[in-house]
Amino acid sequence: MRLSATELLRWACVLPAAALAAMVVATASGIISLVLTSLLGNLATPALAWWIKFTLFYLPKKAAFVIGGALTAPRHHLITSLILAAIASIMSLVVHILGQRTVGLTNYTHFTAETTGAALGAICIAVAFRPKPPSPLPLGDG
């Protein structure tokens, strides 16, 4: 099987597109979390405000990494999303646990949130590119 120049270029752009998608979504979700917690103001408890910021910062970033990269791939979207989810999880493991001198609950929480975001990204790709069920046979008059 020979790859065309366009396919080769798209495969070469998978990781850069994934990283770009993660950066854009991390910035946007960070701004959204700040605006949302500011709008809630006194209505939100400090714990709720923390969870809003935490969820909007960590989950979408890795989901965007997986989705952005998988959608850039010319084919094999599901396999690409699973590989990208594994890469995102390994990166998160290195950043939050293996690369730290002391590891605590915060590190494990961040690792879990980013890994969950990567898994959600792979699930989104799996749902979007699931095979279509066969159409039922038409019923005859007889």
Foldseek 3Di string as FASTA:
>chain_A
DDDDPLQVVLLVCLQVQLQVQLVVQLVVLQVVLVVVCVVCDPVDDPVRSVVSNLLSNQQQSLLSSLQRSLVSHPDPSLVSLVVSLVVQLVVLCCVLPVVDPDHDPVSVVSSVNNSNSSVVSSVVSCVVPPDDDDDDDDDDPD
